[in-house]
Amino acid sequence: MSSFYIFSITWIVIAFIIFCSLFFVVVPYGRHIKQGWGPELSARLAWILMESPCVILMLALAFSAFEYLNYVHIVFLIMWLTHYIHRTFIWPYKVNMEDKKMPLAIALSGFFFNIVNVSLQAFWIFYFASYPNDWLTSSIFLLGLSIFVVGFYINIKSDYILINLRKEKGNGYHIPNGFLYKYISSPNYFGEMIEWFGWAILTWSLSGFVFFLWTVANLFPRAIANHHWYKKEFKDYPESRKAILPWTV
């Protein structure tokens, strides 16, 4: 157990380093794609490869601890898979990724991160922690669940606004409007940060908190970069719109 805590703290330190570096280096995929990052894969294939441990490894680790699982573990697993089955196998076929590329280095780095993150979440939930069945009616779980559901809703709804925008106006990037896009440029990222904050609460775990910090470390700087990109590409971009936190940043 002590090794688990030492690794978790080390992983937090790495997240802080990544957070700082991403304000200076924009990861080259999506609208920020550029040459010079080595071999490239189909963006759809790369995305599925990158996210696949979140489904496959999580299921494998849950199955290996099958005899120890109770209702709480099953609920946690369902919540996790609800997000990641959609993110891994459904979303890449909803969004237009035709003829788009992603550097292999980025896909592999995401694949490695997800292996580490899934392992942290699964080993804590299935092997180290002890959750009684009445955890599901505790105030901590219900609070975290409420936050998780709100974040999930914001994340999904924001993503599909972008998807539908391309269906209506054609390929390429357009200025999204409506919902939280009225206030911020990346409500999908905002929703995902809220979602994993809820996860940290409902699991009441260091591993969940570490994942929340990594989510912020990855998405907060990218939201800033996306906001600057929008303002550069669209001269009529709303001045009052913030990057990631309504009325602040």
Foldseek 3Di string as FASTA:
>chain_A
DVVLVVVLVVLLVVLVVLLVCCLVDPAAFDPNNDDDLDDKDQPLVLQLLLLVCLPPVLVVLCVVLVVQDDPVLVVLNVLSCVVRCCRRPPLSVLADRPPGIHRNVVSVVSNVVSNVLSCSVSCCSRPNDDDDPCLCVDPQQVQLVVQLVQLVVQLVVVSVQQSVVCVVVNDDDDQGDDDCSPAARCSNLLSVLSNLVSVCRNVVDSSSVSVSSSSCSPRVSNLVVRVVVCVVVDVPHDPNHYRHDGPPD
